[in-house]
Amino acid sequence: LGVIGLLGSGELLGANVKGLHSIIHLVSGIILVYLG
């Protein structure tokens, strides 16, 4: 979702996911993947 938000149109599921929103997704995802 973070990659889609940064590289895509910026809208996903009716929400703006550009910029900080996408970065939050990326950081959260990386942390969870590391733990998992």
PDB file of all heavy atoms in Angstrom:
ATOM      1  N   LEU A   1       0.828  -1.206   0.000  1.00  0.00           N
ATOM      2  CA  LEU A   1       0.000   0.000   0.000  1.00  0.00           C
ATOM      3  C   LEU A   1       0.866   1.260   0.000  1.00  0.00           C
ATOM      4  O   LEU A   1       0.551   2.246  -0.675  1.00  0.00           O
ATOM      5  CB  LEU A   1      -0.936   0.021   1.211  1.00  0.00           C
ATOM      6  CG  LEU A   1      -2.049  -1.010   1.214  1.00  0.00           C
ATOM      7  CD1 LEU A   1      -2.836  -0.945   2.517  1.00  0.00           C
ATOM      8  CD2 LEU A   1      -2.970  -0.822   0.021  1.00  0.00           C
ATOM      9  N   GLY A   2       1.954   1.217   0.748  1.00  0.00           N
ATOM     10  CA  GLY A   2       2.863   2.361   0.776  1.00  0.00           C
ATOM     11  C   GLY A   2       3.482   2.634  -0.581  1.00  0.00           C
ATOM     12  O   GLY A   2       3.554   3.785  -1.022  1.00  0.00           O
ATOM     13  N   VAL A   3       3.913   1.573  -1.248  1.00  0.00           N
ATOM     14  CA  VAL A   3       4.507   1.725  -2.580  1.00  0.00           C
ATOM     15  C   VAL A   3       3.456   2.222  -3.575  1.00  0.00           C
ATOM     16  O   VAL A   3       3.721   3.138  -4.363  1.00  0.00           O
ATOM     17  CB  VAL A   3       5.141   0.395  -3.055  1.00  0.00           C
ATOM     18  CG1 VAL A   3       5.539   0.469  -4.515  1.00  0.00           C
ATOM     19  CG2 VAL A   3       6.345   0.044  -2.176  1.00  0.00           C
ATOM     20  N   ILE A   4       2.268   1.654  -3.525  1.00  0.00           N
ATOM     21  CA  ILE A   4       1.191   2.106  -4.418  1.00  0.00           C
ATOM     22  C   ILE A   4       0.891   3.580  -4.175  1.00  0.00           C
ATOM     23  O   ILE A   4       0.707   4.355  -5.113  1.00  0.00           O
ATOM     24  CB  ILE A   4      -0.082   1.247  -4.232  1.00  0.00           C
ATOM     25  CG1 ILE A   4       0.149  -0.147  -4.800  1.00  0.00           C
ATOM     26  CG2 ILE A   4      -1.295   1.907  -4.893  1.00  0.00           C
ATOM     27  CD1 ILE A   4      -0.964  -1.137  -4.481  1.00  0.00           C
ATOM     28  N   GLY A   5       0.845   3.966  -2.911  1.00  0.00           N
ATOM     29  CA  GLY A   5       0.566   5.358  -2.579  1.00  0.00           C
ATOM     30  C   GLY A   5       1.633   6.312  -3.084  1.00  0.00           C
ATOM     31  O   GLY A   5       1.330   7.402  -3.573  1.00  0.00           O
ATOM     32  N   LEU A   6       2.889   5.904  -2.968  1.00  0.00           N
ATOM     33  CA  LEU A   6       3.969   6.782  -3.404  1.00  0.00           C
ATOM     34  C   LEU A   6       4.106   6.837  -4.922  1.00  0.00           C
ATOM     35  O   LEU A   6       4.418   7.876  -5.485  1.00  0.00           O
ATOM     36  CB  LEU A   6       5.298   6.329  -2.789  1.00  0.00           C
ATOM     37  CG  LEU A   6       5.449   6.590  -1.290  1.00  0.00           C
ATOM     38  CD1 LEU A   6       6.725   5.956  -0.762  1.00  0.00           C
ATOM     39  CD2 LEU A   6       5.417   8.082  -0.997  1.00  0.00           C
ATOM     40  N   LEU A   7       3.866   5.700  -5.590  1.00  0.00           N
ATOM     41  CA  LEU A   7       4.069   5.641  -7.033  1.00  0.00           C
ATOM     42  C   LEU A   7       2.791   5.834  -7.839  1.00  0.00           C
ATOM     43  O   LEU A   7       2.852   6.156  -9.022  1.00  0.00           O
ATOM     44  CB  LEU A   7       4.702   4.300  -7.418  1.00  0.00           C
ATOM     45  CG  LEU A   7       6.069   4.001  -6.789  1.00  0.00           C
ATOM     46  CD1 LEU A   7       6.551   2.629  -7.241  1.00  0.00           C
ATOM     47  CD2 LEU A   7       7.072   5.078  -7.122  1.00  0.00           C
ATOM     48  N   GLY A   8       1.641   5.617  -7.195  1.00  0.00           N
ATOM     49  CA  GLY A   8       0.376   5.683  -7.908  1.00  0.00           C
ATOM     50  C   GLY A   8      -0.230   7.070  -7.909  1.00  0.00           C
ATOM     51  O   GLY A   8       0.442   8.078  -7.689  1.00  0.00           O
ATOM     52  N   SER A   9      -1.527   7.100  -8.099  1.00  0.00           N
ATOM     53  CA  SER A   9      -2.250   8.363  -8.215  1.00  0.00           C
ATOM     54  C   SER A   9      -2.395   9.077  -6.875  1.00  0.00           C
ATOM     55  O   SER A   9      -2.713  10.258  -6.827  1.00  0.00           O
ATOM     56  CB  SER A   9      -3.649   8.106  -8.783  1.00  0.00           C
ATOM     57  OG  SER A   9      -4.435   7.392  -7.835  1.00  0.00           O
ATOM     58  N   GLY A  10      -2.188   8.346  -5.789  1.00  0.00           N
ATOM     59  CA  GLY A  10      -2.317   8.953  -4.470  1.00  0.00           C
ATOM     60  C   GLY A  10      -3.662   8.711  -3.826  1.00  0.00           C
ATOM     61  O   GLY A  10      -3.899   9.133  -2.697  1.00  0.00           O
ATOM     62  N   GLU A  11      -4.564   8.032  -4.525  1.00  0.00           N
ATOM     63  CA  GLU A  11      -5.862   7.738  -3.933  1.00  0.00           C
ATOM     64  C   GLU A  11      -6.061   6.232  -3.885  1.00  0.00           C
ATOM     65  O   GLU A  11      -5.802   5.520  -4.853  1.00  0.00           O
ATOM     66  CB  GLU A  11      -6.998   8.374  -4.717  1.00  0.00           C
ATOM     67  CG  GLU A  11      -8.323   8.173  -4.016  1.00  0.00           C
ATOM     68  CD  GLU A  11      -9.422   9.064  -4.565  1.00  0.00           C
ATOM     69  OE1 GLU A  11      -9.173  10.241  -4.816  1.00  0.00           O
ATOM     70  OE2 GLU A  11     -10.534   8.537  -4.744  1.00  0.00           O
ATOM     71  N   LEU A  12      -6.490   5.755  -2.713  1.00  0.00           N
ATOM     72  CA  LEU A  12      -6.707   4.331  -2.519  1.00  0.00           C
ATOM     73  C   LEU A  12      -7.872   4.158  -1.560  1.00  0.00           C
ATOM     74  O   LEU A  12      -7.894   4.755  -0.486  1.00  0.00           O
ATOM     75  CB  LEU A  12      -5.441   3.682  -1.957  1.00  0.00           C
ATOM     76  CG  LEU A  12      -5.429   2.173  -1.836  1.00  0.00           C
ATOM     77  CD1 LEU A  12      -5.513   1.515  -3.216  1.00  0.00           C
ATOM     78  CD2 LEU A  12      -4.153   1.716  -1.150  1.00  0.00           C
ATOM     79  N   LEU A  13      -8.851   3.377  -1.943  1.00  0.00           N
ATOM     80  CA  LEU A  13     -10.055   3.147  -1.138  1.00  0.00           C
ATOM     81  C   LEU A  13     -10.737   4.461  -0.769  1.00  0.00           C
ATOM     82  O   LEU A  13     -11.277   4.620   0.318  1.00  0.00           O
ATOM     83  CB  LEU A  13      -9.724   2.356   0.139  1.00  0.00           C
ATOM     84  CG  LEU A  13      -9.123   0.970  -0.045  1.00  0.00           C
ATOM     85  CD1 LEU A  13      -8.761   0.376   1.309  1.00  0.00           C
ATOM     86  CD2 LEU A  13     -10.077   0.055  -0.795  1.00  0.00           C
ATOM     87  N   GLY A  14     -10.679   5.425  -1.657  1.00  0.00           N
ATOM     88  CA  GLY A  14     -11.337   6.703  -1.434  1.00  0.00           C
ATOM     89  C   GLY A  14     -10.600   7.651  -0.511  1.00  0.00           C
ATOM     90  O   GLY A  14     -11.156   8.642  -0.057  1.00  0.00           O
ATOM     91  N   ALA A  15      -9.341   7.371  -0.197  1.00  0.00           N
ATOM     92  CA  ALA A  15      -8.563   8.232   0.695  1.00  0.00           C
ATOM     93  C   ALA A  15      -7.276   8.672   0.009  1.00  0.00           C
ATOM     94  O   ALA A  15      -6.732   7.960  -0.832  1.00  0.00           O
ATOM     95  CB  ALA A  15      -8.237   7.499   1.986  1.00  0.00           C
ATOM     96  N   ASN A  16      -6.797   9.836   0.400  1.00  0.00           N
ATOM     97  CA  ASN A  16      -5.531  10.333  -0.121  1.00  0.00           C
ATOM     98  C   ASN A  16      -4.403   9.647   0.635  1.00  0.00           C
ATOM     99  O   ASN A  16      -4.284   9.791   1.839  1.00  0.00           O
ATOM    100  CB  ASN A  16      -5.456  11.852   0.073  1.00  0.00           C
ATOM    101  CG  ASN A  16      -4.146  12.420  -0.408  1.00  0.00           C
ATOM    102  OD1 ASN A  16      -3.341  11.746  -1.050  1.00  0.00           O
ATOM    103  ND2 ASN A  16      -3.915  13.674  -0.096  1.00  0.00           N
ATOM    104  N   VAL A  17      -3.586   8.889  -0.068  1.00  0.00           N
ATOM    105  CA  VAL A  17      -2.496   8.151   0.580  1.00  0.00           C
ATOM    106  C   VAL A  17      -1.139   8.593   0.050  1.00  0.00           C
ATOM    107  O   VAL A  17      -0.173   7.854   0.112  1.00  0.00           O
ATOM    108  CB  VAL A  17      -2.668   6.620   0.421  1.00  0.00           C
ATOM    109  CG1 VAL A  17      -3.870   6.138   1.188  1.00  0.00           C
ATOM    110  CG2 VAL A  17      -2.754   6.213  -1.041  1.00  0.00           C
ATOM    111  N   LYS A  18      -1.059   9.802  -0.447  1.00  0.00           N
ATOM    112  CA  LYS A  18       0.217  10.340  -0.928  1.00  0.00           C
ATOM    113  C   LYS A  18       1.062  10.795   0.251  1.00  0.00           C
ATOM    114  O   LYS A  18       0.570  11.043   1.332  1.00  0.00           O
ATOM    115  CB  LYS A  18      -0.024  11.550  -1.820  1.00  0.00           C
ATOM    116  CG  LYS A  18      -0.068  11.302  -3.302  1.00  0.00           C
ATOM    117  CD  LYS A  18       1.169  10.693  -3.834  1.00  0.00           C
ATOM    118  CE  LYS A  18       1.365  10.913  -5.295  1.00  0.00           C
ATOM    119  NZ  LYS A  18       2.200   9.921  -5.898  1.00  0.00           N
ATOM    120  N   GLY A  19       2.347  10.906   0.047  1.00  0.00           N
ATOM    121  CA  GLY A  19       3.249  11.518   1.007  1.00  0.00           C
ATOM    122  C   GLY A  19       3.362  10.801   2.340  1.00  0.00           C
ATOM    123  O   GLY A  19       3.681   9.610   2.391  1.00  0.00           O
ATOM    124  N   LEU A  20       3.092  11.541   3.406  1.00  0.00           N
ATOM    125  CA  LEU A  20       3.280  11.038   4.754  1.00  0.00           C
ATOM    126  C   LEU A  20       2.466   9.773   5.018  1.00  0.00           C
ATOM    127  O   LEU A  20       2.945   8.839   5.662  1.00  0.00           O
ATOM    128  CB  LEU A  20       2.919  12.114   5.781  1.00  0.00           C
ATOM    129  CG  LEU A  20       3.098  11.727   7.236  1.00  0.00           C
ATOM    130  CD1 LEU A  20       4.553  11.378   7.530  1.00  0.00           C
ATOM    131  CD2 LEU A  20       2.610  12.839   8.139  1.00  0.00           C
ATOM    132  N   HIS A  21       1.262   9.712   4.506  1.00  0.00           N
ATOM    133  CA  HIS A  21       0.398   8.543   4.693  1.00  0.00           C
ATOM    134  C   HIS A  21       1.086   7.283   4.156  1.00  0.00           C
ATOM    135  O   HIS A  21       1.111   6.245   4.804  1.00  0.00           O
ATOM    136  CB  HIS A  21      -0.940   8.780   4.005  1.00  0.00           C
ATOM    137  CG  HIS A  21      -2.047   7.932   4.508  1.00  0.00           C
ATOM    138  ND1 HIS A  21      -3.368   8.256   4.313  1.00  0.00           N
ATOM    139  CD2 HIS A  21      -2.066   6.775   5.202  1.00  0.00           C
ATOM    140  CE1 HIS A  21      -4.144   7.327   4.858  1.00  0.00           C
ATOM    141  NE2 HIS A  21      -3.374   6.413   5.394  1.00  0.00           N
ATOM    142  N   SER A  22       1.658   7.395   2.971  1.00  0.00           N
ATOM    143  CA  SER A  22       2.351   6.256   2.365  1.00  0.00           C
ATOM    144  C   SER A  22       3.617   5.901   3.135  1.00  0.00           C
ATOM    145  O   SER A  22       3.955   4.724   3.281  1.00  0.00           O
ATOM    146  CB  SER A  22       2.690   6.553   0.913  1.00  0.00           C
ATOM    147  OG  SER A  22       1.505   6.635   0.156  1.00  0.00           O
ATOM    148  N   ILE A  23       4.315   6.898   3.611  1.00  0.00           N
ATOM    149  CA  ILE A  23       5.524   6.644   4.384  1.00  0.00           C
ATOM    150  C   ILE A  23       5.178   5.921   5.691  1.00  0.00           C
ATOM    151  O   ILE A  23       5.884   4.990   6.102  1.00  0.00           O
ATOM    152  CB  ILE A  23       6.288   7.955   4.640  1.00  0.00           C
ATOM    153  CG1 ILE A  23       6.847   8.464   3.308  1.00  0.00           C
ATOM    154  CG2 ILE A  23       7.404   7.769   5.661  1.00  0.00           C
ATOM    155  CD1 ILE A  23       7.384   9.877   3.343  1.00  0.00           C
ATOM    156  N   ILE A  24       4.076   6.314   6.325  1.00  0.00           N
ATOM    157  CA  ILE A  24       3.618   5.620   7.539  1.00  0.00           C
ATOM    158  C   ILE A  24       3.312   4.161   7.229  1.00  0.00           C
ATOM    159  O   ILE A  24       3.677   3.264   7.986  1.00  0.00           O
ATOM    160  CB  ILE A  24       2.402   6.332   8.161  1.00  0.00           C
ATOM    161  CG1 ILE A  24       2.837   7.690   8.736  1.00  0.00           C
ATOM    162  CG2 ILE A  24       1.743   5.468   9.232  1.00  0.00           C
ATOM    163  CD1 ILE A  24       1.696   8.583   9.152  1.00  0.00           C
ATOM    164  N   HIS A  25       2.659   3.917   6.091  1.00  0.00           N
ATOM    165  CA  HIS A  25       2.387   2.529   5.691  1.00  0.00           C
ATOM    166  C   HIS A  25       3.679   1.756   5.485  1.00  0.00           C
ATOM    167  O   HIS A  25       3.811   0.611   5.932  1.00  0.00           O
ATOM    168  CB  HIS A  25       1.557   2.486   4.413  1.00  0.00           C
ATOM    169  CG  HIS A  25       0.112   2.759   4.626  1.00  0.00           C
ATOM    170  ND1 HIS A  25      -0.708   3.157   3.605  1.00  0.00           N
ATOM    171  CD2 HIS A  25      -0.673   2.682   5.727  1.00  0.00           C
ATOM    172  CE1 HIS A  25      -1.931   3.320   4.061  1.00  0.00           C
ATOM    173  NE2 HIS A  25      -1.931   3.039   5.348  1.00  0.00           N
ATOM    174  N   LEU A  26       4.633   2.360   4.802  1.00  0.00           N
ATOM    175  CA  LEU A  26       5.909   1.679   4.546  1.00  0.00           C
ATOM    176  C   LEU A  26       6.649   1.353   5.842  1.00  0.00           C
ATOM    177  O   LEU A  26       7.104   0.224   6.030  1.00  0.00           O
ATOM    178  CB  LEU A  26       6.804   2.540   3.657  1.00  0.00           C
ATOM    179  CG  LEU A  26       6.507   2.518   2.169  1.00  0.00           C
ATOM    180  CD1 LEU A  26       7.354   3.556   1.439  1.00  0.00           C
ATOM    181  CD2 LEU A  26       6.743   1.141   1.585  1.00  0.00           C
ATOM    182  N   VAL A  27       6.769   2.319   6.723  1.00  0.00           N
ATOM    183  CA  VAL A  27       7.491   2.098   7.983  1.00  0.00           C
ATOM    184  C   VAL A  27       6.779   1.046   8.834  1.00  0.00           C
ATOM    185  O   VAL A  27       7.411   0.123   9.371  1.00  0.00           O
ATOM    186  CB  VAL A  27       7.673   3.422   8.756  1.00  0.00           C
ATOM    187  CG1 VAL A  27       8.225   3.179  10.161  1.00  0.00           C
ATOM    188  CG2 VAL A  27       8.579   4.365   7.987  1.00  0.00           C
ATOM    189  N   SER A  28       5.452   1.157   8.947  1.00  0.00           N
ATOM    190  CA  SER A  28       4.682   0.164   9.705  1.00  0.00           C
ATOM    191  C   SER A  28       4.861  -1.225   9.109  1.00  0.00           C
ATOM    192  O   SER A  28       5.055  -2.206   9.830  1.00  0.00           O
ATOM    193  CB  SER A  28       3.184   0.518   9.689  1.00  0.00           C
ATOM    194  OG  SER A  28       2.941   1.746  10.288  1.00  0.00           O
ATOM    195  N   GLY A  29       4.788  -1.306   7.792  1.00  0.00           N
ATOM    196  CA  GLY A  29       4.942  -2.587   7.116  1.00  0.00           C
ATOM    197  C   GLY A  29       6.306  -3.197   7.322  1.00  0.00           C
ATOM    198  O   GLY A  29       6.440  -4.398   7.582  1.00  0.00           O
ATOM    199  N   ILE A  30       7.337  -2.377   7.226  1.00  0.00           N
ATOM    200  CA  ILE A  30       8.701  -2.878   7.420  1.00  0.00           C
ATOM    201  C   ILE A  30       8.880  -3.413   8.835  1.00  0.00           C
ATOM    202  O   ILE A  30       9.468  -4.479   9.040  1.00  0.00           O
ATOM    203  CB  ILE A  30       9.731  -1.776   7.079  1.00  0.00           C
ATOM    204  CG1 ILE A  30       9.733  -1.526   5.568  1.00  0.00           C
ATOM    205  CG2 ILE A  30      11.111  -2.141   7.584  1.00  0.00           C
ATOM    206  CD1 ILE A  30      10.461  -0.265   5.150  1.00  0.00           C
ATOM    207  N   ILE A  31       8.357  -2.688   9.812  1.00  0.00           N
ATOM    208  CA  ILE A  31       8.463  -3.148  11.207  1.00  0.00           C
ATOM    209  C   ILE A  31       7.740  -4.479  11.379  1.00  0.00           C
ATOM    210  O   ILE A  31       8.286  -5.424  11.969  1.00  0.00           O
ATOM    211  CB  ILE A  31       7.911  -2.090  12.181  1.00  0.00           C
ATOM    212  CG1 ILE A  31       8.827  -0.856  12.193  1.00  0.00           C
ATOM    213  CG2 ILE A  31       7.769  -2.669  13.590  1.00  0.00           C
ATOM    214  CD1 ILE A  31       8.222   0.350  12.894  1.00  0.00           C
ATOM    215  N   LEU A  32       6.515  -4.573  10.864  1.00  0.00           N
ATOM    216  CA  LEU A  32       5.754  -5.817  11.018  1.00  0.00           C
ATOM    217  C   LEU A  32       6.404  -6.983  10.284  1.00  0.00           C
ATOM    218  O   LEU A  32       6.459  -8.103  10.800  1.00  0.00           O
ATOM    219  CB  LEU A  32       4.310  -5.630  10.550  1.00  0.00           C
ATOM    220  CG  LEU A  32       3.403  -4.887  11.517  1.00  0.00           C
ATOM    221  CD1 LEU A  32       2.043  -4.616  10.878  1.00  0.00           C
ATOM    222  CD2 LEU A  32       3.232  -5.655  12.813  1.00  0.00           C
ATOM    223  N   VAL A  33       6.900  -6.738   9.082  1.00  0.00           N
ATOM    224  CA  VAL A  33       7.575  -7.800   8.327  1.00  0.00           C
ATOM    225  C   VAL A  33       8.807  -8.275   9.087  1.00  0.00           C
ATOM    226  O   VAL A  33       9.060  -9.477   9.195  1.00  0.00           O
ATOM    227  CB  VAL A  33       7.930  -7.324   6.897  1.00  0.00           C
ATOM    228  CG1 VAL A  33       8.966  -8.212   6.244  1.00  0.00           C
ATOM    229  CG2 VAL A  33       6.673  -7.272   6.043  1.00  0.00           C
ATOM    230  N   TYR A  34       9.574  -7.351   9.617  1.00  0.00           N
ATOM    231  CA  TYR A  34      10.749  -7.727  10.412  1.00  0.00           C
ATOM    232  C   TYR A  34      10.340  -8.614  11.588  1.00  0.00           C
ATOM    233  O   TYR A  34      10.929  -9.681  11.812  1.00  0.00           O
ATOM    234  CB  TYR A  34      11.490  -6.484  10.912  1.00  0.00           C
ATOM    235  CG  TYR A  34      12.603  -6.834  11.870  1.00  0.00           C
ATOM    236  CD1 TYR A  34      13.820  -7.294  11.392  1.00  0.00           C
ATOM    237  CD2 TYR A  34      12.422  -6.740  13.245  1.00  0.00           C
ATOM    238  CE1 TYR A  34      14.842  -7.645  12.255  1.00  0.00           C
ATOM    239  CE2 TYR A  34      13.434  -7.085  14.124  1.00  0.00           C
ATOM    240  CZ  TYR A  34      14.641  -7.541  13.630  1.00  0.00           C
ATOM    241  OH  TYR A  34      15.641  -7.902  14.494  1.00  0.00           O
ATOM    242  N   LEU A  35       9.328  -8.183  12.332  1.00  0.00           N
ATOM    243  CA  LEU A  35       8.873  -8.979  13.478  1.00  0.00           C
ATOM    244  C   LEU A  35       8.365 -10.344  13.026  1.00  0.00           C
ATOM    245  O   LEU A  35       8.688 -11.366  13.626  1.00  0.00           O
ATOM    246  CB  LEU A  35       7.766  -8.237  14.240  1.00  0.00           C
ATOM    247  CG  LEU A  35       8.138  -6.916  14.899  1.00  0.00           C
ATOM    248  CD1 LEU A  35       6.905  -6.266  15.528  1.00  0.00           C
ATOM    249  CD2 LEU A  35       9.243  -7.103  15.923  1.00  0.00           C
ATOM    250  N   GLY A  36       7.575 -10.348  11.974  1.00  0.00           N
ATOM    251  CA  GLY A  36       6.963 -11.589  11.509  1.00  0.00           C
ATOM    252  C   GLY A  36       7.954 -12.607  10.976  1.00  0.00           C
ATOM    253  O   GLY A  36       7.824 -13.802  11.239  1.00  0.00           O
TER     254      GLY A  36
END
